[in-house]
Amino acid sequence: MRSAVCIAAALIGAAAHAQSDWPSKPVRIAIGTPAFMSPEQSAGDRALDGRSDLYSLGIVAYQMLCGDLPFMANNTPALLVKHLSEAPVPIERRSGNVPADLARAVMLCLEKNPNDRFESARALVQALDSGDVPIVPMRARPTEAPVADPHGADLRGAAYTPRSEEHTSELQSRGLIS
């Protein structure tokens, strides 16, 4: 199993370094298979790098290890929102027979912020080869306090992943998360 993830990471890394002029015209829509799109792709960001590919690899590895995709929805917009806002169920909760370092590596690939993912496919492969996989950062836990929503939705118990430590501090100071 681990070698399949390493091979996929190496292939993605090689593809990321290949020269390509596609597309030749600026693209103004998100391109990709929605179930495997990174949050930055889902948001339509233009400046994508190899860390976006690592997110997609994380989706493939998660499906290989757990038997299901980390996010499911009835339509494409709902699925893209999940990529942007929901944390996947940790692999160790879905499948107890996955080595801890492999589960951590895949979960790091699935971090919403590209800066929280591996720097490159090479870094992922090196971490898996050495067994020195960083700990997945702790995110804010769901809160039972009502959270303000501009559309009036009740978001009690909704999972939320802060964008940065500063954002976390701001939300804590407002009493929106603990």
Foldseek 3Di string as FASTA:
>chain_A
DLVVLLVLLVVLQVVQPDDDCPPVDDDQAQDDDLLQFALCSLVRHDDDGSLRVLLSSLQVVLCVLQVDGQDDDPDRNVSSVCNQWPQGDQSCVRHVPDPPLVSQLSSQSSDNDSVSHQPGSVSSSVCSVVVPHDGRDDFFAFAQDFDDDPVPDGQHRPDGGAPDPVRVVVCVVVVNTD
